[in-house]
Amino acid sequence: MPSEQSEDQPVQGLPLSRLDGPLQLPAIVYGAGAFSNQYNTDDHLASQIPLRTIRLALRQARTPWLVLYGIRAFDTSTYYGPSEVILGGVLKSLEEEFPRSSYQLMTKCGRYGVNNFDYAPTTIRDGVMRSLSRLQTDYLDTVYLHDVEFVATPVLPRVSGNHATALTTEKREYGLIEGEEAEIRGDGDRKILDAYGELQKLQEEGIVKHIGITGYPLPTLLRLALLILHQPPYKPIDVILSYSHLSLQNTTFLDFAPHFYERAKVKQLVAASPLSMGLLRPNPPPWHPAPKGLLDAVHKARSGWPGDFPDLALGYAIRNTGAKHRNVPLVVGFSNPHEVHECMKVWRQVQEGFETAEREDGEDRAKEVFRQSGFLDWSWPSP
């Protein structure tokens, strides 16, 4: 165990809330995709920093006048390289302070490389068993089918742009017209159903508590949720995770949320990546799919805010999730203790109404930049 440093303890303040709902998730979920080479070097991943960061996120101060951070849920995937191994090893080393029952593990299966997808039921089962081993646990709280749009039969009139019209004038083009929810549109849809069926078996065996799907295009996620709902003997989806659609640049998640809950009977939504996979940071990663026009718009929006732009963006996402918006938890990636402290500071500021007027003004100005550039609520192609 590394020696403790001053930043390894939570800062006094409002405790992180646990949201109502079937999964009882905290308002912030730890995005363990940070434990991959997409975001960090091998040297960083091999250091004690992951342990210190995870411990801080989990930690409850031992003195009664200090309160917990309590980020007691982790989102990871087999696809995230060493993430499951690092997370599992750290949590095992911390089990005396944080037993398995004190946190939730959420992982994904079906994607094993950039272009390597295998949704065969036997592979899904093998993948879940591999995750159990890597995470050093005998059960998983949630398992998703990872990035379903790469496997499902494509039903989209266009691959990029604002897809909110899927809910209104273009329902038919997106496969969302009423009365056609049960239609299997090709082999890809059958693969989704077969893989979901295997997860359902694992759930019935007690290996997995909750099952769901993840992906980027919201219309595809909604169409598949409706397909599963209307295809007996499949049960309604427990949880759906969408990323980069609840941010300063793109908020279409909020348009789709009522349809997931009310029409598709999804029990829990999770929003991930409030900084849109690093897009809203000062230096977006070189592999980011955003086109040059969007990158330029982000640079202009960032230049127009005198403070910390990632904090502004994070605060916007926090304010639009949680208890005020149907108990939607937010997945935030943390590479080091400083990022945990910053996230909790912003979360507390939002809950306490700190500088709300100034924040809203900054958000409005940033969104106007995206609107003028044609990239407000704009989604890039996936796949």
Protein backbone atom coordinates (compact mmCIF):
# COMPACT_ATOMS: atom_id res chain seq x y z
CA MET A 1 0.00 0.00 0.00
CA PRO A 2 1.52 3.39 -0.96
CA SER A 3 2.16 6.00 1.69
CA GLU A 4 -0.71 8.45 1.98
CA GLN A 5 -0.40 11.98 0.63
CA SER A 6 -2.37 15.08 1.55
CA GLU A 7 -4.68 14.73 -1.48
CA ASP A 8 -5.60 11.14 -0.60
CA GLN A 9 -8.41 12.18 1.77
CA PRO A 10 -11.85 13.54 0.83
CA VAL A 11 -12.46 17.24 1.31
CA GLN A 12 -15.18 18.17 3.79
CA GLY A 13 -18.51 19.01 2.22
CA LEU A 14 -21.86 17.75 0.98
CA PRO A 15 -21.89 13.94 0.59
CA LEU A 16 -22.49 12.42 -2.82
CA SER A 17 -26.11 11.38 -3.16
CA ARG A 18 -27.35 7.92 -4.02
CA LEU A 19 -30.10 8.09 -6.60
CA ASP A 20 -33.50 6.47 -6.34
CA GLY A 21 -34.17 3.69 -8.80
CA PRO A 22 -33.67 -0.05 -9.28
CA LEU A 23 -29.87 0.10 -9.43
CA GLN A 24 -29.40 2.50 -6.48
CA LEU A 25 -26.42 4.10 -8.19
CA PRO A 26 -24.49 7.10 -6.89
CA ALA A 27 -24.92 10.39 -8.76
CA ILE A 28 -21.35 9.98 -10.10
CA VAL A 29 -20.04 6.67 -11.46
CA TYR A 30 -16.28 6.13 -11.79
CA GLY A 31 -15.36 5.78 -15.47
CA ALA A 32 -12.54 3.24 -15.40
CA GLY A 33 -11.95 3.62 -19.13
CA ALA A 34 -9.28 6.03 -17.85
CA PHE A 35 -7.23 2.91 -17.06
CA SER A 36 -6.45 2.32 -20.72
CA ASN A 37 -3.85 3.47 -23.20
CA GLN A 38 -6.45 5.65 -24.87
CA TYR A 39 -6.04 8.07 -21.98
CA ASN A 40 -2.89 7.14 -20.04
CA THR A 41 0.59 5.71 -20.55
CA ASP A 42 1.80 2.31 -19.38
CA ASP A 43 3.97 4.04 -16.76
CA HIS A 44 0.95 5.82 -15.32
CA LEU A 45 -1.14 2.64 -15.28
CA ALA A 46 1.68 0.68 -13.60
CA SER A 47 2.15 3.30 -10.87
CA GLN A 48 0.34 3.66 -7.55
CA ILE A 49 -1.82 6.46 -8.94
CA PRO A 50 -4.75 4.19 -9.94
CA LEU A 51 -4.90 2.77 -6.42
CA ARG A 52 -4.78 6.21 -4.80
CA THR A 53 -7.45 7.51 -7.17
CA ILE A 54 -9.87 4.62 -6.66
CA ARG A 55 -9.36 4.67 -2.90
CA LEU A 56 -10.08 8.40 -2.74
CA ALA A 57 -13.24 8.02 -4.83
CA LEU A 58 -14.53 5.29 -2.53
CA ARG A 59 -13.31 6.70 0.70
CA GLN A 60 -15.26 7.80 3.70
CA ALA A 61 -13.25 9.88 6.15
CA ARG A 62 -12.84 8.24 9.53
CA THR A 63 -13.76 11.33 11.58
CA PRO A 64 -17.44 12.11 12.15
CA TRP A 65 -17.27 15.77 11.01
CA LEU A 66 -15.96 14.82 7.57
CA VAL A 67 -18.10 13.08 5.00
CA LEU A 68 -17.59 10.62 2.22
CA TYR A 69 -17.05 11.12 -1.46
CA GLY A 70 -18.67 7.74 -1.95
CA ILE A 71 -18.23 7.19 -5.69
CA ARG A 72 -19.27 3.59 -5.14
CA ALA A 73 -19.81 2.33 -8.70
CA PHE A 74 -17.31 1.61 -11.50
CA ASP A 75 -17.86 1.44 -15.25
CA THR A 76 -15.35 -0.60 -17.26
CA SER A 77 -15.11 -3.01 -20.22
CA THR A 78 -13.05 -5.84 -21.64
CA TYR A 79 -12.44 -3.47 -24.57
CA TYR A 80 -10.61 -0.99 -22.34
CA GLY A 81 -7.34 -2.90 -22.43
CA PRO A 82 -5.97 -3.41 -18.89
CA SER A 83 -8.84 -1.55 -17.18
CA GLU A 84 -10.58 -4.59 -15.68
CA VAL A 85 -7.28 -6.05 -14.48
CA ILE A 86 -6.14 -2.80 -12.85
CA LEU A 87 -9.53 -2.13 -11.28
CA GLY A 88 -9.89 -5.70 -10.02
CA GLY A 89 -6.40 -5.71 -8.52
CA VAL A 90 -6.89 -2.39 -6.75
CA LEU A 91 -10.29 -3.31 -5.34
CA LYS A 92 -8.89 -6.63 -4.11
CA SER A 93 -6.11 -4.80 -2.29
CA LEU A 94 -8.66 -2.49 -0.68
CA GLU A 95 -11.19 -5.17 0.33
CA GLU A 96 -10.54 -4.79 4.06
CA GLU A 97 -11.58 -1.12 3.91
CA PHE A 98 -14.10 -1.58 1.08
CA PRO A 99 -15.70 -5.04 0.91
CA ARG A 100 -17.29 -6.17 -2.35
CA SER A 101 -20.76 -5.34 -1.06
CA SER A 102 -19.83 -1.65 -0.68
CA TYR A 103 -19.59 -0.85 -4.41
CA GLN A 104 -21.03 -1.83 -7.79
CA LEU A 105 -19.15 -3.20 -10.80
CA MET A 106 -20.51 -2.45 -14.27
CA THR A 107 -18.74 -3.90 -17.29
CA LYS A 108 -19.36 -4.64 -20.97
CA CYS A 109 -18.97 -7.58 -23.33
CA GLY A 110 -19.07 -8.26 -27.06
CA ARG A 111 -16.39 -5.79 -28.15
CA TYR A 112 -12.78 -6.91 -27.93
CA GLY A 113 -10.92 -4.54 -30.26
CA VAL A 114 -11.38 -1.54 -32.54
CA ASN A 115 -13.04 -3.71 -35.19
CA ASN A 116 -13.42 -6.92 -33.22
CA PHE A 117 -17.02 -7.69 -32.26
CA ASP A 118 -18.34 -11.13 -31.35
CA TYR A 119 -21.90 -11.38 -30.07
CA ALA A 120 -22.19 -15.16 -30.31
CA PRO A 121 -23.85 -16.44 -27.12
CA THR A 122 -20.90 -18.67 -26.22
CA THR A 123 -18.52 -15.72 -26.61
CA ILE A 124 -20.78 -13.51 -24.52
CA ARG A 125 -20.77 -16.08 -21.72
CA ASP A 126 -17.01 -16.59 -22.00
CA GLY A 127 -16.51 -12.83 -21.93
CA VAL A 128 -18.54 -12.44 -18.75
CA MET A 129 -16.59 -15.24 -17.08
CA ARG A 130 -13.34 -13.60 -18.13
CA SER A 131 -14.51 -10.32 -16.63
CA LEU A 132 -15.33 -12.08 -13.35
CA SER A 133 -11.79 -13.38 -13.24
CA ARG A 134 -10.16 -10.08 -14.17
CA LEU A 135 -12.26 -8.14 -11.68
CA GLN A 136 -11.68 -10.80 -8.99
CA THR A 137 -15.34 -11.15 -8.10
CA ASP A 138 -18.03 -13.84 -8.26
CA TYR A 139 -20.83 -11.59 -9.52
CA LEU A 140 -21.30 -8.45 -11.60
CA ASP A 141 -23.83 -5.75 -10.83
CA THR A 142 -24.34 -4.78 -14.48
CA VAL A 143 -23.21 -6.19 -17.81
CA TYR A 144 -23.89 -4.39 -21.09
CA LEU A 145 -23.61 -5.43 -24.70
CA HIS A 146 -20.90 -3.03 -25.82
CA ASP A 147 -21.42 -0.57 -28.72
CA VAL A 148 -24.43 -2.30 -30.22
CA GLU A 149 -24.56 -0.02 -33.29
CA PHE A 150 -21.57 -1.89 -34.76
CA VAL A 151 -23.54 -5.16 -34.72
CA ALA A 152 -27.20 -4.19 -35.16
CA THR A 153 -28.77 -3.91 -38.58
CA PRO A 154 -28.30 -0.24 -39.57
CA VAL A 155 -31.55 1.74 -39.78
CA LEU A 156 -30.60 5.40 -40.18
CA PRO A 157 -31.36 7.94 -42.90
CA ARG A 158 -27.95 9.54 -42.26
CA VAL A 159 -24.98 8.68 -40.07
CA SER A 160 -24.19 12.14 -38.67
CA GLY A 161 -26.07 15.26 -37.64
CA ASN A 162 -28.86 16.02 -35.20
CA HIS A 163 -30.88 12.81 -34.75
CA ALA A 164 -33.68 14.33 -32.63
CA THR A 165 -35.96 14.16 -35.69
CA ALA A 166 -36.08 10.39 -35.06
CA LEU A 167 -38.61 11.25 -32.36
CA THR A 168 -40.85 13.37 -34.59
CA THR A 169 -40.81 13.76 -38.37
CA GLU A 170 -38.47 10.87 -39.23
CA LYS A 171 -39.72 8.05 -37.00
CA ARG A 172 -40.17 5.69 -39.94
CA GLU A 173 -36.73 6.36 -41.42
CA TYR A 174 -35.11 5.53 -38.07
CA GLY A 175 -37.23 2.41 -37.52
CA LEU A 176 -39.17 4.00 -34.67
CA ILE A 177 -42.67 4.19 -36.13
CA GLU A 178 -45.42 2.93 -33.83
CA GLY A 179 -46.58 -0.59 -34.66
CA GLU A 180 -43.24 -1.78 -36.05
CA GLU A 181 -41.35 -2.15 -32.79
CA ALA A 182 -41.06 -5.94 -33.03
CA GLU A 183 -39.65 -5.96 -36.56
CA ILE A 184 -36.31 -7.76 -36.88
CA ARG A 185 -34.62 -5.89 -39.69
CA GLY A 186 -31.71 -8.21 -40.47
CA ASP A 187 -29.05 -10.58 -39.18
CA GLY A 188 -27.53 -7.86 -37.00
CA ASP A 189 -30.74 -7.52 -35.01
CA ARG A 190 -30.87 -11.29 -34.55
CA LYS A 191 -27.32 -11.23 -33.18
CA ILE A 192 -28.34 -8.56 -30.68
CA LEU A 193 -31.33 -10.62 -29.53
CA ASP A 194 -29.29 -13.82 -29.19
CA ALA A 195 -26.57 -12.07 -27.20
CA TYR A 196 -29.13 -10.35 -24.98
CA GLY A 197 -30.78 -13.71 -24.41
CA GLU A 198 -27.47 -15.11 -23.13
CA LEU A 199 -27.11 -12.19 -20.73
CA GLN A 200 -30.63 -12.93 -19.54
CA LYS A 201 -29.59 -16.52 -18.79
CA LEU A 202 -26.57 -15.25 -16.83
CA GLN A 203 -28.92 -12.99 -14.92
CA GLU A 204 -31.22 -15.90 -14.09
CA GLU A 205 -28.17 -17.83 -12.85
CA GLY A 206 -27.32 -15.01 -10.44
CA ILE A 207 -23.97 -14.21 -12.07
CA VAL A 208 -25.21 -10.84 -13.31
CA LYS A 209 -27.71 -8.62 -11.51
CA HIS A 210 -28.66 -6.18 -14.27
CA ILE A 211 -28.28 -6.30 -18.05
CA GLY A 212 -28.35 -3.72 -20.77
CA ILE A 213 -26.83 -2.18 -23.88
CA THR A 214 -24.47 0.69 -24.65
CA GLY A 215 -23.72 2.73 -27.73
CA TYR A 216 -23.44 6.17 -29.27
CA PRO A 217 -26.41 6.73 -31.67
CA LEU A 218 -29.48 7.33 -29.52
CA PRO A 219 -32.02 6.30 -32.22
CA THR A 220 -30.32 2.91 -32.53
CA LEU A 221 -30.37 2.38 -28.78
CA LEU A 222 -34.06 3.28 -28.64
CA ARG A 223 -34.95 1.04 -31.59
CA LEU A 224 -33.17 -1.93 -30.01
CA ALA A 225 -34.77 -1.28 -26.62
CA LEU A 226 -38.18 -1.36 -28.30
CA LEU A 227 -37.26 -4.49 -30.26
CA ILE A 228 -36.25 -6.33 -27.09
CA LEU A 229 -39.38 -5.15 -25.27
CA HIS A 230 -41.63 -6.46 -28.06
CA GLN A 231 -39.83 -9.79 -28.65
CA PRO A 232 -40.88 -12.39 -26.05
CA PRO A 233 -39.37 -14.03 -24.07
CA TYR A 234 -36.91 -11.17 -23.73
CA LYS A 235 -37.47 -8.93 -20.73
CA PRO A 236 -37.32 -5.12 -20.85
CA ILE A 237 -33.81 -3.70 -20.65
CA ASP A 238 -32.62 -2.93 -17.14
CA VAL A 239 -30.12 -0.22 -18.05
CA ILE A 240 -28.87 1.71 -21.09
CA LEU A 241 -25.68 3.75 -21.23
CA SER A 242 -25.18 6.46 -23.82
CA TYR A 243 -22.06 8.61 -24.05
CA SER A 244 -21.24 12.12 -25.30
CA HIS A 245 -24.92 13.02 -25.66
CA LEU A 246 -25.25 14.99 -22.45
CA SER A 247 -22.63 17.69 -22.78
CA LEU A 248 -22.35 21.38 -23.58
CA GLN A 249 -22.05 20.46 -27.26
CA ASN A 250 -24.80 17.83 -27.49
CA THR A 251 -27.81 17.42 -25.19
CA THR A 252 -30.05 15.17 -27.27
CA PHE A 253 -29.92 12.60 -24.45
CA LEU A 254 -32.53 14.76 -22.70
CA ASP A 255 -34.82 14.58 -25.73
CA PHE A 256 -34.65 10.79 -25.87
CA ALA A 257 -34.81 10.06 -22.13
CA PRO A 258 -38.64 10.10 -21.77
CA HIS A 259 -38.98 7.73 -24.74
CA PHE A 260 -36.56 5.23 -23.21
CA TYR A 261 -38.42 5.27 -19.92
CA GLU A 262 -42.03 5.49 -21.05
CA ARG A 263 -42.15 3.84 -24.45
CA ALA A 264 -39.34 1.25 -24.15
CA LYS A 265 -39.82 0.62 -20.37
CA VAL A 266 -36.09 0.87 -19.69
CA LYS A 267 -35.56 0.85 -15.93
CA GLN A 268 -32.40 2.97 -15.70
CA LEU A 269 -30.51 5.36 -17.97
CA VAL A 270 -26.84 6.24 -17.50
CA ALA A 271 -25.12 9.19 -19.17
CA ALA A 272 -21.39 8.93 -19.79
CA SER A 273 -18.55 11.21 -20.82
CA PRO A 274 -19.65 14.76 -19.96
CA LEU A 275 -16.43 16.01 -21.57
CA SER A 276 -17.23 13.96 -24.68
CA MET A 277 -14.20 11.65 -24.60
CA GLY A 278 -11.86 14.57 -23.96
CA LEU A 279 -13.30 16.78 -26.72
CA LEU A 280 -14.03 19.57 -24.23
CA ARG A 281 -10.61 19.42 -22.60
CA PRO A 282 -7.81 21.82 -23.64
CA ASN A 283 -6.11 19.10 -25.68
CA PRO A 284 -8.53 16.56 -27.19
CA PRO A 285 -6.94 13.16 -27.87
CA PRO A 286 -5.61 12.75 -31.43
CA TRP A 287 -7.89 9.77 -32.10
CA HIS A 288 -11.09 11.71 -31.35
CA PRO A 289 -13.68 11.33 -34.16
CA ALA A 290 -14.71 15.02 -34.11
CA PRO A 291 -14.13 16.73 -37.49
CA LYS A 292 -12.01 19.88 -37.77
CA GLY A 293 -15.04 22.17 -37.77
CA LEU A 294 -16.19 20.83 -34.43
CA LEU A 295 -12.68 21.00 -32.98
CA ASP A 296 -12.46 24.64 -34.08
CA ALA A 297 -15.84 25.39 -32.50
CA VAL A 298 -14.72 23.83 -29.21
CA HIS A 299 -11.55 25.94 -29.27
CA LYS A 300 -13.62 29.10 -29.83
CA ALA A 301 -16.09 28.19 -27.08
CA ARG A 302 -13.26 27.43 -24.68
CA SER A 303 -11.57 30.75 -25.47
CA GLY A 304 -14.75 32.61 -24.57
CA TRP A 305 -14.81 31.36 -20.96
CA PRO A 306 -12.29 32.95 -18.57
CA GLY A 307 -12.42 30.08 -16.09
CA ASP A 308 -11.84 26.34 -16.28
CA PHE A 309 -13.82 25.20 -19.33
CA PRO A 310 -13.88 21.47 -18.40
CA ASP A 311 -15.33 22.45 -15.01
CA LEU A 312 -18.00 24.52 -16.75
CA ALA A 313 -18.84 21.58 -19.03
CA LEU A 314 -18.85 19.10 -16.14
CA GLY A 315 -21.13 21.36 -14.09
CA TYR A 316 -23.56 21.61 -17.00
CA ALA A 317 -23.81 17.82 -17.29
CA ILE A 318 -24.18 17.38 -13.54
CA ARG A 319 -26.96 19.97 -13.41
CA ASN A 320 -28.84 18.11 -16.14
CA THR A 321 -28.66 14.66 -14.53
CA GLY A 322 -29.27 13.33 -11.05
CA ALA A 323 -32.47 13.70 -9.07
CA LYS A 324 -33.70 16.67 -11.11
CA HIS A 325 -33.72 14.61 -14.29
CA ARG A 326 -35.11 11.15 -13.53
CA ASN A 327 -32.16 10.01 -11.41
CA VAL A 328 -29.65 9.66 -14.23
CA PRO A 329 -26.13 8.96 -12.92
CA LEU A 330 -23.17 10.47 -14.74
CA VAL A 331 -20.08 8.41 -15.64
CA VAL A 332 -16.94 10.52 -15.25
CA GLY A 333 -13.42 9.25 -15.95
CA PHE A 334 -10.72 9.83 -13.32
CA SER A 335 -7.01 9.35 -13.99
CA ASN A 336 -5.67 10.82 -10.75
CA PRO A 337 -6.79 12.08 -7.32
CA HIS A 338 -6.88 15.71 -8.47
CA GLU A 339 -9.62 14.87 -10.98
CA VAL A 340 -11.71 13.21 -8.25
CA HIS A 341 -11.39 16.29 -6.04
CA GLU A 342 -12.30 18.59 -8.95
CA CYS A 343 -15.38 16.55 -9.86
CA MET A 344 -16.65 16.50 -6.28
CA LYS A 345 -15.97 20.24 -5.95
CA VAL A 346 -18.06 20.96 -9.07
CA TRP A 347 -20.81 18.51 -8.01
CA ARG A 348 -21.09 20.27 -4.64
CA GLN A 349 -21.10 23.71 -6.24
CA VAL A 350 -23.96 22.69 -8.50
CA GLN A 351 -25.98 21.20 -5.63
CA GLU A 352 -25.45 24.32 -3.52
CA GLY A 353 -26.26 26.74 -6.34
CA PHE A 354 -22.77 28.25 -6.31
CA GLU A 355 -22.35 30.92 -9.04
CA THR A 356 -25.34 29.49 -10.91
CA ALA A 357 -25.98 32.70 -12.87
CA GLU A 358 -22.36 32.96 -14.00
CA ARG A 359 -22.30 29.31 -15.01
CA GLU A 360 -25.51 29.56 -16.98
CA ASP A 361 -24.21 32.62 -18.80
CA GLY A 362 -21.02 30.76 -19.72
CA GLU A 363 -22.99 27.73 -20.84
CA ASP A 364 -25.27 29.85 -23.02
CA ARG A 365 -22.31 31.54 -24.67
CA ALA A 366 -20.61 28.22 -25.38
CA LYS A 367 -23.80 26.72 -26.80
CA GLU A 368 -24.25 29.76 -29.04
CA VAL A 369 -20.79 29.11 -30.52
CA PHE A 370 -21.81 25.53 -31.29
CA ARG A 371 -25.13 26.72 -32.73
CA GLN A 372 -23.48 29.24 -35.04
CA SER A 373 -20.95 26.69 -36.23
CA GLY A 374 -23.67 24.13 -37.01
CA PHE A 375 -22.47 21.65 -34.40
CA LEU A 376 -24.95 22.12 -31.57
CA ASP A 377 -26.56 18.73 -30.85
CA TRP A 378 -24.56 17.29 -33.75
CA SER A 379 -23.45 13.62 -33.58
CA TRP A 380 -20.53 12.16 -35.48
CA PRO A 381 -20.84 8.84 -37.36
CA SER A 382 -20.66 5.62 -35.35
CA PRO A 383 -19.65 3.28 -36.78
